[in-house]
Amino acid sequence: QSSTKMKANLSQAPTVHIRKFFEEARKNRKASGSNKGKKTRRLYSKAVIMGYKRALRSQSTDTCLVSIQGVEDTKSVDFYLGKKVLYMYRAKTEKNGTFMRTVWGLSLIHI
């Protein structure tokens, strides 16, 4: 008798075919046009720390020289002036639930 009860419970499951369900979902998504004309854009630029600001015999360790990927001339530098800069590195010990550490700064021109 227990097997007949299980069969009765199985008949209560929805009878929608899975392929038909996903086809309807695709049609609804195309009709809504949710991704129409949108591009995903990266909100950061990759960069490399080149070293410290320095003279012939001395260096100032509070100012780093950064080479930003895609920035080749002085006109494109103007966009990045005053923007925040994040230096992220991996540490050996875990702190606050993560191994990643961050140092924040600003992009400036020193003359």
C-alpha atoms as a PDB file:
ATOM      1  CA  GLN A   1       0.000   0.000   0.000  1.00  0.00           C
ATOM      2  CA  SER A   2       2.888   2.365   0.638  1.00  0.00           C
ATOM      3  CA  SER A   3       3.979   2.153  -3.031  1.00  0.00           C
ATOM      4  CA  THR A   4       0.536   3.222  -4.210  1.00  0.00           C
ATOM      5  CA  LYS A   5       0.668   6.273  -1.946  1.00  0.00           C
ATOM      6  CA  MET A   6       4.011   7.328  -3.457  1.00  0.00           C
ATOM      7  CA  LYS A   7       2.599   7.016  -6.973  1.00  0.00           C
ATOM      8  CA  ALA A   8      -0.311   9.184  -5.960  1.00  0.00           C
ATOM      9  CA  ASN A   9       2.117  11.835  -4.659  1.00  0.00           C
ATOM     10  CA  LEU A  10       4.092  11.794  -7.896  1.00  0.00           C
ATOM     11  CA  SER A  11       0.985  12.618  -9.890  1.00  0.00           C
ATOM     12  CA  GLN A  12       0.787  15.954  -8.032  1.00  0.00           C
ATOM     13  CA  ALA A  13       3.997  17.180  -9.640  1.00  0.00           C
ATOM     14  CA  PRO A  14       3.622  19.858 -12.346  1.00  0.00           C
ATOM     15  CA  THR A  15       3.299  18.492 -15.857  1.00  0.00           C
ATOM     16  CA  VAL A  16       5.156  21.348 -17.622  1.00  0.00           C
ATOM     17  CA  HIS A  17       7.838  20.083 -19.972  1.00  0.00           C
ATOM     18  CA  ILE A  18      11.252  21.542 -19.106  1.00  0.00           C
ATOM     19  CA  ARG A  19      12.186  22.442 -22.711  1.00  0.00           C
ATOM     20  CA  LYS A  20       8.915  24.292 -23.198  1.00  0.00           C
ATOM     21  CA  PHE A  21       9.462  26.155 -19.929  1.00  0.00           C
ATOM     22  CA  PHE A  22      12.916  27.438 -20.978  1.00  0.00           C
ATOM     23  CA  GLU A  23      11.714  28.379 -24.479  1.00  0.00           C
ATOM     24  CA  GLU A  24       9.011  30.560 -22.963  1.00  0.00           C
ATOM     25  CA  ALA A  25      11.558  32.160 -20.630  1.00  0.00           C
ATOM     26  CA  ARG A  26      13.845  32.997 -23.591  1.00  0.00           C
ATOM     27  CA  LYS A  27      10.944  34.543 -25.504  1.00  0.00           C
ATOM     28  CA  ASN A  28       9.978  36.665 -22.500  1.00  0.00           C
ATOM     29  CA  ARG A  29      13.564  37.856 -22.051  1.00  0.00           C
ATOM     30  CA  LYS A  30      13.886  38.816 -25.744  1.00  0.00           C
ATOM     31  CA  ALA A  31      10.535  40.601 -25.664  1.00  0.00           C
ATOM     32  CA  SER A  32      11.520  42.658 -22.606  1.00  0.00           C
ATOM     33  CA  GLY A  33      14.779  43.801 -24.281  1.00  0.00           C
ATOM     34  CA  SER A  34      16.658  43.879 -20.980  1.00  0.00           C
ATOM     35  CA  ASN A  35      20.170  43.776 -22.530  1.00  0.00           C
ATOM     36  CA  LYS A  36      19.361  45.774 -25.640  1.00  0.00           C
ATOM     37  CA  GLY A  37      22.121  48.268 -26.472  1.00  0.00           C
ATOM     38  CA  LYS A  38      23.995  47.746 -23.185  1.00  0.00           C
ATOM     39  CA  LYS A  39      27.660  46.909 -22.913  1.00  0.00           C
ATOM     40  CA  THR A  40      29.337  45.762 -19.749  1.00  0.00           C
ATOM     41  CA  ARG A  41      32.098  48.175 -18.860  1.00  0.00           C
ATOM     42  CA  ARG A  42      35.022  47.684 -16.557  1.00  0.00           C
ATOM     43  CA  LEU A  43      35.166  50.228 -13.756  1.00  0.00           C
ATOM     44  CA  TYR A  44      38.897  49.950 -13.225  1.00  0.00           C
ATOM     45  CA  SER A  45      42.129  50.098 -15.196  1.00  0.00           C
ATOM     46  CA  LYS A  46      45.054  47.795 -14.667  1.00  0.00           C
ATOM     47  CA  ALA A  47      48.375  49.381 -13.771  1.00  0.00           C
ATOM     48  CA  VAL A  48      51.920  48.518 -12.769  1.00  0.00           C
ATOM     49  CA  ILE A  49      53.938  50.186 -10.011  1.00  0.00           C
ATOM     50  CA  MET A  50      57.170  51.297 -11.672  1.00  0.00           C
ATOM     51  CA  GLY A  51      58.985  52.480  -8.559  1.00  0.00           C
ATOM     52  CA  TYR A  52      59.292  55.514  -6.316  1.00  0.00           C
ATOM     53  CA  LYS A  53      59.624  59.157  -7.265  1.00  0.00           C
ATOM     54  CA  ARG A  54      63.343  59.803  -7.103  1.00  0.00           C
ATOM     55  CA  ALA A  55      66.247  62.056  -7.861  1.00  0.00           C
ATOM     56  CA  LEU A  56      69.746  60.912  -8.708  1.00  0.00           C
ATOM     57  CA  ARG A  57      70.694  59.900  -5.165  1.00  0.00           C
ATOM     58  CA  SER A  58      67.489  60.023  -3.110  1.00  0.00           C
ATOM     59  CA  GLN A  59      63.981  58.680  -3.435  1.00  0.00           C
ATOM     60  CA  SER A  60      60.700  59.697  -1.799  1.00  0.00           C
ATOM     61  CA  THR A  61      58.984  56.530  -0.626  1.00  0.00           C
ATOM     62  CA  ASP A  62      55.638  58.265  -0.088  1.00  0.00           C
ATOM     63  CA  THR A  63      55.121  58.765  -3.859  1.00  0.00           C
ATOM     64  CA  CYS A  64      54.887  55.866  -6.328  1.00  0.00           C
ATOM     65  CA  LEU A  65      55.194  56.046 -10.104  1.00  0.00           C
ATOM     66  CA  VAL A  66      52.360  54.124 -11.733  1.00  0.00           C
ATOM     67  CA  SER A  67      52.089  53.031 -15.362  1.00  0.00           C
ATOM     68  CA  ILE A  68      48.403  52.688 -16.324  1.00  0.00           C
ATOM     69  CA  GLN A  69      47.537  50.264 -19.121  1.00  0.00           C
ATOM     70  CA  GLY A  70      46.331  52.103 -22.238  1.00  0.00           C
ATOM     71  CA  VAL A  71      47.674  55.520 -21.200  1.00  0.00           C
ATOM     72  CA  GLU A  72      50.357  56.582 -23.650  1.00  0.00           C
ATOM     73  CA  ASP A  73      50.201  60.391 -23.908  1.00  0.00           C
ATOM     74  CA  THR A  74      49.667  63.375 -21.612  1.00  0.00           C
ATOM     75  CA  LYS A  75      46.124  64.062 -22.854  1.00  0.00           C
ATOM     76  CA  SER A  76      44.854  60.721 -21.596  1.00  0.00           C
ATOM     77  CA  VAL A  77      46.561  61.267 -18.224  1.00  0.00           C
ATOM     78  CA  ASP A  78      44.189  64.142 -17.408  1.00  0.00           C
ATOM     79  CA  PHE A  79      41.267  61.728 -16.999  1.00  0.00           C
ATOM     80  CA  TYR A  80      43.024  59.816 -14.202  1.00  0.00           C
ATOM     81  CA  LEU A  81      44.159  62.830 -12.158  1.00  0.00           C
ATOM     82  CA  GLY A  82      42.440  62.983  -8.790  1.00  0.00           C
ATOM     83  CA  LYS A  83      41.016  59.461  -9.078  1.00  0.00           C
ATOM     84  CA  LYS A  84      41.430  56.934  -6.282  1.00  0.00           C
ATOM     85  CA  VAL A  85      44.058  54.225  -6.703  1.00  0.00           C
ATOM     86  CA  LEU A  86      43.884  50.804  -5.057  1.00  0.00           C
ATOM     87  CA  TYR A  87      46.942  48.616  -4.491  1.00  0.00           C
ATOM     88  CA  MET A  88      45.878  45.049  -3.682  1.00  0.00           C
ATOM     89  CA  TYR A  89      48.215  42.265  -2.636  1.00  0.00           C
ATOM     90  CA  ARG A  90      48.025  38.783  -1.137  1.00  0.00           C
ATOM     91  CA  ALA A  91      49.364  38.191   2.391  1.00  0.00           C
ATOM     92  CA  LYS A  92      50.397  34.925   4.042  1.00  0.00           C
ATOM     93  CA  THR A  93      48.187  35.364   7.096  1.00  0.00           C
ATOM     94  CA  GLU A  94      44.416  35.784   7.124  1.00  0.00           C
ATOM     95  CA  LYS A  95      43.018  39.028   8.517  1.00  0.00           C
ATOM     96  CA  ASN A  96      39.313  39.956   8.675  1.00  0.00           C
ATOM     97  CA  GLY A  97      38.405  36.734   6.873  1.00  0.00           C
ATOM     98  CA  THR A  98      40.576  37.327   3.788  1.00  0.00           C
ATOM     99  CA  PHE A  99      44.170  36.997   2.634  1.00  0.00           C
ATOM    100  CA  MET A 100      43.956  40.112   0.442  1.00  0.00           C
ATOM    101  CA  ARG A 101      45.235  43.473   1.733  1.00  0.00           C
ATOM    102  CA  THR A 102      44.553  46.878   0.208  1.00  0.00           C
ATOM    103  CA  VAL A 103      46.239  50.282   0.267  1.00  0.00           C
ATOM    104  CA  TRP A 104      44.297  53.291  -1.043  1.00  0.00           C
ATOM    105  CA  GLY A 105      45.785  56.444  -2.564  1.00  0.00           C
ATOM    106  CA  LEU A 106      45.213  59.242  -5.082  1.00  0.00           C
ATOM    107  CA  SER A 107      46.645  59.806  -8.535  1.00  0.00           C
ATOM    108  CA  LEU A 108      48.396  63.187  -8.582  1.00  0.00           C
ATOM    109  CA  ILE A 109      51.055  65.043 -10.540  1.00  0.00           C
ATOM    110  CA  HIS A 110      54.055  66.244  -8.547  1.00  0.00           C
ATOM    111  CA  ILE A 111      56.277  68.774 -10.260  1.00  0.00           C
END
